[in-house]
Amino acid sequence: MNKKNKKLTPAQKRAKKAEKADRQKKYQWVFMNGKQVRIKRPTTIDGMSVDEYIQKNADPIWLHQNELWEYMDENKDKNC
């Protein structure tokens, strides 16, 4: 009457564990409107957000060409 569950092989267990790890890297759980939902993680470069990376590493010319004037710092311009 009852259907027996098949046991997974060691290779299937490893594959399932790897899939779970990949999902955890790509998505995160947050609460929205009182419900727990899964959303994609924000992109990062070297462990910091994209905006923070641009602020630390971009030169004023690149910022101006890409219209990111809010990231331009007056102190950096005076030193050049």
PDB file of N, CA and C in Angstrom:
ATOM      1  N   MET A   1       0.801  -1.180   0.000  1.00  0.00           N
ATOM      2  CA  MET A   1       0.000   0.000   0.000  1.00  0.00           C
ATOM      3  C   MET A   1       0.858   1.264   0.000  1.00  0.00           C
ATOM      4  N   ASN A   2       1.710   1.371   1.002  1.00  0.00           N
ATOM      5  CA  ASN A   2       2.571   2.544   1.067  1.00  0.00           C
ATOM      6  C   ASN A   2       3.769   2.354   0.145  1.00  0.00           C
ATOM      7  N   LYS A   3       4.127   3.421  -0.492  1.00  0.00           N
ATOM      8  CA  LYS A   3       5.268   3.375  -1.406  1.00  0.00           C
ATOM      9  C   LYS A   3       6.546   3.662  -0.623  1.00  0.00           C
ATOM     10  N   LYS A   4       7.562   2.800  -0.767  1.00  0.00           N
ATOM     11  CA  LYS A   4       8.827   3.007  -0.080  1.00  0.00           C
ATOM     12  C   LYS A   4       9.653   4.052  -0.814  1.00  0.00           C
ATOM     13  N   ASN A   5      10.295   4.913  -0.029  1.00  0.00           N
ATOM     14  CA  ASN A   5      11.179   5.919  -0.616  1.00  0.00           C
ATOM     15  C   ASN A   5      12.508   5.273  -0.978  1.00  0.00           C
ATOM     16  N   LYS A   6      13.018   5.613  -2.140  1.00  0.00           N
ATOM     17  CA  LYS A   6      14.320   5.106  -2.548  1.00  0.00           C
ATOM     18  C   LYS A   6      15.410   5.941  -1.887  1.00  0.00           C
ATOM     19  N   LYS A   7      16.467   5.273  -1.492  1.00  0.00           N
ATOM     20  CA  LYS A   7      17.601   5.988  -0.929  1.00  0.00           C
ATOM     21  C   LYS A   7      18.450   6.528  -2.068  1.00  0.00           C
ATOM     22  N   LEU A   8      19.029   7.713  -1.808  1.00  0.00           N
ATOM     23  CA  LEU A   8      19.884   8.327  -2.816  1.00  0.00           C
ATOM     24  C   LEU A   8      21.272   7.702  -2.779  1.00  0.00           C
ATOM     25  N   THR A   9      21.888   7.618  -3.932  1.00  0.00           N
ATOM     26  CA  THR A   9      23.266   7.135  -4.003  1.00  0.00           C
ATOM     27  C   THR A   9      24.191   8.239  -3.507  1.00  0.00           C
ATOM     28  N   PRO A  10      25.424   7.911  -3.129  1.00  0.00           N
ATOM     29  CA  PRO A  10      26.350   8.966  -2.683  1.00  0.00           C
ATOM     30  C   PRO A  10      26.562  10.060  -3.731  1.00  0.00           C
ATOM     31  N   ALA A  11      26.589   9.705  -5.009  1.00  0.00           N
ATOM     32  CA  ALA A  11      26.762  10.715  -6.058  1.00  0.00           C
ATOM     33  C   ALA A  11      25.551  11.640  -6.115  1.00  0.00           C
ATOM     34  N   GLN A  12      24.358  11.087  -5.935  1.00  0.00           N
ATOM     35  CA  GLN A  12      23.153  11.911  -5.940  1.00  0.00           C
ATOM     36  C   GLN A  12      23.115  12.834  -4.728  1.00  0.00           C
ATOM     37  N   LYS A  13      23.580  12.335  -3.593  1.00  0.00           N
ATOM     38  CA  LYS A  13      23.635  13.169  -2.382  1.00  0.00           C
ATOM     39  C   LYS A  13      24.584  14.348  -2.580  1.00  0.00           C
ATOM     40  N   ARG A  14      25.761  14.097  -3.191  1.00  0.00           N
ATOM     41  CA  ARG A  14      26.721  15.176  -3.442  1.00  0.00           C
ATOM     42  C   ARG A  14      26.130  16.210  -4.399  1.00  0.00           C
ATOM     43  N   ALA A  15      25.442  15.727  -5.447  1.00  0.00           N
ATOM     44  CA  ALA A  15      24.846  16.642  -6.425  1.00  0.00           C
ATOM     45  C   ALA A  15      23.768  17.502  -5.777  1.00  0.00           C
ATOM     46  N   LYS A  16      22.974  16.888  -4.924  1.00  0.00           N
ATOM     47  CA  LYS A  16      21.910  17.629  -4.239  1.00  0.00           C
ATOM     48  C   LYS A  16      22.502  18.691  -3.308  1.00  0.00           C
ATOM     49  N   LYS A  17      23.572  18.327  -2.602  1.00  0.00           N
ATOM     50  CA  LYS A  17      24.242  19.258  -1.694  1.00  0.00           C
ATOM     51  C   LYS A  17      24.869  20.420  -2.470  1.00  0.00           C
ATOM     52  N   ALA A  18      25.446  20.120  -3.641  1.00  0.00           N
ATOM     53  CA  ALA A  18      26.049  21.169  -4.470  1.00  0.00           C
ATOM     54  C   ALA A  18      24.988  22.123  -4.997  1.00  0.00           C
ATOM     55  N   GLU A  19      23.830  21.591  -5.379  1.00  0.00           N
ATOM     56  CA  GLU A  19      22.733  22.442  -5.860  1.00  0.00           C
ATOM     57  C   GLU A  19      22.268  23.379  -4.760  1.00  0.00           C
ATOM     58  N   LYS A  20      22.174  22.861  -3.543  1.00  0.00           N
ATOM     59  CA  LYS A  20      21.745  23.681  -2.413  1.00  0.00           C
ATOM     60  C   LYS A  20      22.742  24.805  -2.156  1.00  0.00           C
ATOM     61  N   ALA A  21      24.029  24.496  -2.224  1.00  0.00           N
ATOM     62  CA  ALA A  21      25.063  25.506  -2.000  1.00  0.00           C
ATOM     63  C   ALA A  21      25.001  26.586  -3.084  1.00  0.00           C
ATOM     64  N   ASP A  22      24.755  26.183  -4.340  1.00  0.00           N
ATOM     65  CA  ASP A  22      24.638  27.160  -5.421  1.00  0.00           C
ATOM     66  C   ASP A  22      23.437  28.072  -5.208  1.00  0.00           C
ATOM     67  N   ARG A  23      22.315  27.492  -4.777  1.00  0.00           N
ATOM     68  CA  ARG A  23      21.117  28.291  -4.514  1.00  0.00           C
ATOM     69  C   ARG A  23      21.369  29.300  -3.410  1.00  0.00           C
ATOM     70  N   GLN A  24      22.096  28.879  -2.360  1.00  0.00           N
ATOM     71  CA  GLN A  24      22.368  29.785  -1.247  1.00  0.00           C
ATOM     72  C   GLN A  24      23.268  30.937  -1.674  1.00  0.00           C
ATOM     73  N   LYS A  25      24.153  30.697  -2.636  1.00  0.00           N
ATOM     74  CA  LYS A  25      25.028  31.764  -3.120  1.00  0.00           C
ATOM     75  C   LYS A  25      24.268  32.748  -3.994  1.00  0.00           C
ATOM     76  N   LYS A  26      23.267  32.271  -4.747  1.00  0.00           N
ATOM     77  CA  LYS A  26      22.543  33.118  -5.692  1.00  0.00           C
ATOM     78  C   LYS A  26      21.387  33.871  -5.054  1.00  0.00           C
ATOM     79  N   TYR A  27      20.740  33.286  -4.040  1.00  0.00           N
ATOM     80  CA  TYR A  27      19.523  33.867  -3.475  1.00  0.00           C
ATOM     81  C   TYR A  27      19.663  34.090  -1.984  1.00  0.00           C
ATOM     82  N   GLN A  28      18.796  34.985  -1.462  1.00  0.00           N
ATOM     83  CA  GLN A  28      18.727  35.193  -0.028  1.00  0.00           C
ATOM     84  C   GLN A  28      17.256  35.288   0.368  1.00  0.00           C
ATOM     85  N   TRP A  29      16.963  34.988   1.621  1.00  0.00           N
ATOM     86  CA  TRP A  29      15.600  35.035   2.122  1.00  0.00           C
ATOM     87  C   TRP A  29      15.384  36.351   2.857  1.00  0.00           C
ATOM     88  N   VAL A  30      14.274  37.037   2.555  1.00  0.00           N
ATOM     89  CA  VAL A  30      13.900  38.272   3.231  1.00  0.00           C
ATOM     90  C   VAL A  30      12.398  38.243   3.509  1.00  0.00           C
ATOM     91  N   PHE A  31      11.956  39.119   4.379  1.00  0.00           N
ATOM     92  CA  PHE A  31      10.537  39.243   4.658  1.00  0.00           C
ATOM     93  C   PHE A  31       9.967  40.409   3.868  1.00  0.00           C
ATOM     94  N   MET A  32       8.888  40.151   3.106  1.00  0.00           N
ATOM     95  CA  MET A  32       8.167  41.187   2.371  1.00  0.00           C
ATOM     96  C   MET A  32       6.690  41.025   2.671  1.00  0.00           C
ATOM     97  N   ASN A  33       6.073  42.078   3.152  1.00  0.00           N
ATOM     98  CA  ASN A  33       4.648  42.065   3.472  1.00  0.00           C
ATOM     99  C   ASN A  33       4.296  40.920   4.416  1.00  0.00           C
ATOM    100  N   GLY A  34       5.151  40.648   5.370  1.00  0.00           N
ATOM    101  CA  GLY A  34       4.880  39.618   6.356  1.00  0.00           C
ATOM    102  C   GLY A  34       5.103  38.204   5.875  1.00  0.00           C
ATOM    103  N   LYS A  35       5.647  38.042   4.686  1.00  0.00           N
ATOM    104  CA  LYS A  35       5.917  36.709   4.157  1.00  0.00           C
ATOM    105  C   LYS A  35       7.403  36.577   3.847  1.00  0.00           C
ATOM    106  N   GLN A  36       7.905  35.375   3.993  1.00  0.00           N
ATOM    107  CA  GLN A  36       9.309  35.114   3.703  1.00  0.00           C
ATOM    108  C   GLN A  36       9.430  34.754   2.226  1.00  0.00           C
ATOM    109  N   VAL A  37      10.237  35.520   1.492  1.00  0.00           N
ATOM    110  CA  VAL A  37      10.401  35.296   0.061  1.00  0.00           C
ATOM    111  C   VAL A  37      11.890  35.195  -0.270  1.00  0.00           C
ATOM    112  N   ARG A  38      12.157  34.548  -1.388  1.00  0.00           N
ATOM    113  CA  ARG A  38      13.537  34.387  -1.847  1.00  0.00           C
ATOM    114  C   ARG A  38      13.780  35.387  -2.970  1.00  0.00           C
ATOM    115  N   ILE A  39      14.856  36.178  -2.836  1.00  0.00           N
ATOM    116  CA  ILE A  39      15.216  37.144  -3.875  1.00  0.00           C
ATOM    117  C   ILE A  39      16.670  36.915  -4.253  1.00  0.00           C
ATOM    118  N   LYS A  40      17.059  37.406  -5.436  1.00  0.00           N
ATOM    119  CA  LYS A  40      18.450  37.278  -5.854  1.00  0.00           C
ATOM    120  C   LYS A  40      19.329  38.177  -4.994  1.00  0.00           C
ATOM    121  N   ARG A  41      20.508  37.690  -4.688  1.00  0.00           N
ATOM    122  CA  ARG A  41      21.465  38.489  -3.920  1.00  0.00           C
ATOM    123  C   ARG A  41      21.976  39.640  -4.784  1.00  0.00           C
ATOM    124  N   PRO A  42      22.280  40.780  -4.168  1.00  0.00           N
ATOM    125  CA  PRO A  42      22.866  41.875  -4.941  1.00  0.00           C
ATOM    126  C   PRO A  42      24.253  41.484  -5.442  1.00  0.00           C
ATOM    127  N   THR A  43      24.601  41.967  -6.611  1.00  0.00           N
ATOM    128  CA  THR A  43      25.902  41.633  -7.182  1.00  0.00           C
ATOM    129  C   THR A  43      27.017  42.301  -6.391  1.00  0.00           C
ATOM    130  N   THR A  44      28.146  41.612  -6.268  1.00  0.00           N
ATOM    131  CA  THR A  44      29.287  42.139  -5.545  1.00  0.00           C
ATOM    132  C   THR A  44      30.553  41.943  -6.368  1.00  0.00           C
ATOM    133  N   ILE A  45      31.512  42.813  -6.126  1.00  0.00           N
ATOM    134  CA  ILE A  45      32.831  42.708  -6.737  1.00  0.00           C
ATOM    135  C   ILE A  45      33.832  42.719  -5.589  1.00  0.00           C
ATOM    136  N   ASP A  46      34.604  41.668  -5.472  1.00  0.00           N
ATOM    137  CA  ASP A  46      35.590  41.524  -4.386  1.00  0.00           C
ATOM    138  C   ASP A  46      34.951  41.708  -3.013  1.00  0.00           C
ATOM    139  N   GLY A  47      33.713  41.252  -2.844  1.00  0.00           N
ATOM    140  CA  GLY A  47      33.044  41.306  -1.557  1.00  0.00           C
ATOM    141  C   GLY A  47      32.399  42.629  -1.211  1.00  0.00           C
ATOM    142  N   MET A  48      32.433  43.605  -2.086  1.00  0.00           N
ATOM    143  CA  MET A  48      31.776  44.886  -1.819  1.00  0.00           C
ATOM    144  C   MET A  48      30.759  45.160  -2.921  1.00  0.00           C
ATOM    145  N   SER A  49      29.787  46.010  -2.618  1.00  0.00           N
ATOM    146  CA  SER A  49      28.741  46.298  -3.594  1.00  0.00           C
ATOM    147  C   SER A  49      29.335  47.009  -4.812  1.00  0.00           C
ATOM    148  N   VAL A  50      28.614  46.970  -5.913  1.00  0.00           N
ATOM    149  CA  VAL A  50      29.095  47.568  -7.159  1.00  0.00           C
ATOM    150  C   VAL A  50      29.299  49.069  -6.992  1.00  0.00           C
ATOM    151  N   ASP A  51      28.348  49.748  -6.324  1.00  0.00           N
ATOM    152  CA  ASP A  51      28.470  51.192  -6.121  1.00  0.00           C
ATOM    153  C   ASP A  51      29.709  51.550  -5.291  1.00  0.00           C
ATOM    154  N   GLU A  52      29.942  50.789  -4.242  1.00  0.00           N
ATOM    155  CA  GLU A  52      31.116  51.044  -3.394  1.00  0.00           C
ATOM    156  C   GLU A  52      32.417  50.806  -4.172  1.00  0.00           C
ATOM    157  N   TYR A  53      32.439  49.766  -4.992  1.00  0.00           N
ATOM    158  CA  TYR A  53      33.620  49.462  -5.805  1.00  0.00           C
ATOM    159  C   TYR A  53      33.898  50.597  -6.790  1.00  0.00           C
ATOM    160  N   ILE A  54      32.854  51.124  -7.414  1.00  0.00           N
ATOM    161  CA  ILE A  54      33.016  52.231  -8.367  1.00  0.00           C
ATOM    162  C   ILE A  54      33.546  53.463  -7.645  1.00  0.00           C
ATOM    163  N   GLN A  55      33.000  53.756  -6.476  1.00  0.00           N
ATOM    164  CA  GLN A  55      33.442  54.933  -5.727  1.00  0.00           C
ATOM    165  C   GLN A  55      34.921  54.849  -5.373  1.00  0.00           C
ATOM    166  N   LYS A  56      35.402  53.676  -5.037  1.00  0.00           N
ATOM    167  CA  LYS A  56      36.789  53.541  -4.606  1.00  0.00           C
ATOM    168  C   LYS A  56      37.773  53.482  -5.768  1.00  0.00           C
ATOM    169  N   ASN A  57      37.357  52.949  -6.935  1.00  0.00           N
ATOM    170  CA  ASN A  57      38.320  52.650  -7.984  1.00  0.00           C
ATOM    171  C   ASN A  57      38.188  53.460  -9.271  1.00  0.00           C
ATOM    172  N   ALA A  58      37.107  54.191  -9.458  1.00  0.00           N
ATOM    173  CA  ALA A  58      36.916  54.902 -10.722  1.00  0.00           C
ATOM    174  C   ALA A  58      37.642  56.250 -10.707  1.00  0.00           C
ATOM    175  N   ASP A  59      38.151  56.641 -11.882  1.00  0.00           N
ATOM    176  CA  ASP A  59      38.776  57.948 -11.993  1.00  0.00           C
ATOM    177  C   ASP A  59      37.719  58.972 -12.425  1.00  0.00           C
ATOM    178  N   PRO A  60      37.974  60.269 -12.209  1.00  0.00           N
ATOM    179  CA  PRO A  60      36.974  61.305 -12.499  1.00  0.00           C
ATOM    180  C   PRO A  60      36.538  61.330 -13.966  1.00  0.00           C
ATOM    181  N   ILE A  61      37.433  61.024 -14.891  1.00  0.00           N
ATOM    182  CA  ILE A  61      37.068  61.045 -16.305  1.00  0.00           C
ATOM    183  C   ILE A  61      36.027  59.966 -16.598  1.00  0.00           C
ATOM    184  N   TRP A  62      36.243  58.757 -16.088  1.00  0.00           N
ATOM    185  CA  TRP A  62      35.292  57.670 -16.307  1.00  0.00           C
ATOM    186  C   TRP A  62      33.944  57.993 -15.682  1.00  0.00           C
ATOM    187  N   LEU A  63      33.966  58.570 -14.464  1.00  0.00           N
ATOM    188  CA  LEU A  63      32.718  58.943 -13.797  1.00  0.00           C
ATOM    189  C   LEU A  63      31.954  59.978 -14.618  1.00  0.00           C
ATOM    190  N   HIS A  64      32.674  60.946 -15.185  1.00  0.00           N
ATOM    191  CA  HIS A  64      32.026  61.976 -15.990  1.00  0.00           C
ATOM    192  C   HIS A  64      31.444  61.391 -17.279  1.00  0.00           C
ATOM    193  N   GLN A  65      32.171  60.493 -17.922  1.00  0.00           N
ATOM    194  CA  GLN A  65      31.689  59.877 -19.160  1.00  0.00           C
ATOM    195  C   GLN A  65      30.437  59.044 -18.931  1.00  0.00           C
ATOM    196  N   ASN A  66      30.320  58.433 -17.773  1.00  0.00           N
ATOM    197  CA  ASN A  66      29.172  57.588 -17.461  1.00  0.00           C
ATOM    198  C   ASN A  66      28.110  58.314 -16.635  1.00  0.00           C
ATOM    199  N   GLU A  67      28.235  59.632 -16.536  1.00  0.00           N
ATOM    200  CA  GLU A  67      27.263  60.496 -15.871  1.00  0.00           C
ATOM    201  C   GLU A  67      27.025  60.099 -14.415  1.00  0.00           C
ATOM    202  N   LEU A  68      28.093  59.763 -13.708  1.00  0.00           N
ATOM    203  CA  LEU A  68      28.009  59.426 -12.291  1.00  0.00           C
ATOM    204  C   LEU A  68      28.616  60.561 -11.469  1.00  0.00           C
ATOM    205  N   TRP A  69      28.069  61.755 -11.642  1.00  0.00           N
ATOM    206  CA  TRP A  69      28.629  62.936 -11.004  1.00  0.00           C
ATOM    207  C   TRP A  69      28.495  62.899  -9.490  1.00  0.00           C
ATOM    208  N   GLU A  70      27.493  62.170  -8.968  1.00  0.00           N
ATOM    209  CA  GLU A  70      27.314  62.139  -7.515  1.00  0.00           C
ATOM    210  C   GLU A  70      28.470  61.418  -6.821  1.00  0.00           C
ATOM    211  N   TYR A  71      29.236  60.598  -7.560  1.00  0.00           N
ATOM    212  CA  TYR A  71      30.375  59.893  -6.977  1.00  0.00           C
ATOM    213  C   TYR A  71      31.674  60.684  -7.080  1.00  0.00           C
ATOM    214  N   MET A  72      31.674  61.759  -7.829  1.00  0.00           N
ATOM    215  CA  MET A  72      32.898  62.548  -7.995  1.00  0.00           C
ATOM    216  C   MET A  72      33.192  63.293  -6.693  1.00  0.00           C
ATOM    217  N   ASP A  73      34.439  63.254  -6.287  1.00  0.00           N
ATOM    218  CA  ASP A  73      34.864  63.884  -5.046  1.00  0.00           C
ATOM    219  C   ASP A  73      35.737  65.085  -5.399  1.00  0.00           C
ATOM    220  N   GLU A  74      35.452  66.222  -4.785  1.00  0.00           N
ATOM    221  CA  GLU A  74      36.203  67.436  -5.087  1.00  0.00           C
ATOM    222  C   GLU A  74      37.647  67.326  -4.613  1.00  0.00           C
ATOM    223  N   ASN A  75      37.889  66.620  -3.539  1.00  0.00           N
ATOM    224  CA  ASN A  75      39.256  66.500  -3.014  1.00  0.00           C
ATOM    225  C   ASN A  75      40.152  65.748  -3.983  1.00  0.00           C
ATOM    226  N   LYS A  76      39.636  64.738  -4.680  1.00  0.00           N
ATOM    227  CA  LYS A  76      40.450  63.992  -5.636  1.00  0.00           C
ATOM    228  C   LYS A  76      40.815  64.872  -6.821  1.00  0.00           C
ATOM    229  N   ASP A  77      39.899  65.753  -7.233  1.00  0.00           N
ATOM    230  CA  ASP A  77      40.163  66.621  -8.379  1.00  0.00           C
ATOM    231  C   ASP A  77      41.252  67.642  -8.072  1.00  0.00           C
ATOM    232  N   LYS A  78      41.341  68.139  -6.854  1.00  0.00           N
ATOM    233  CA  LYS A  78      42.349  69.136  -6.503  1.00  0.00           C
ATOM    234  C   LYS A  78      43.752  68.546  -6.494  1.00  0.00           C
ATOM    235  N   ASN A  79      43.878  67.276  -6.161  1.00  0.00           N
ATOM    236  CA  ASN A  79      45.197  66.642  -6.092  1.00  0.00           C
ATOM    237  C   ASN A  79      45.797  66.388  -7.476  1.00  0.00           C
ATOM    238  N   CYS A  80      44.992  66.330  -8.516  1.00  0.00           N
ATOM    239  CA  CYS A  80      45.492  66.012  -9.846  1.00  0.00           C
ATOM    240  C   CYS A  80      46.165  67.169 -10.514  1.00  0.00           C
TER     241      CYS A  80
END
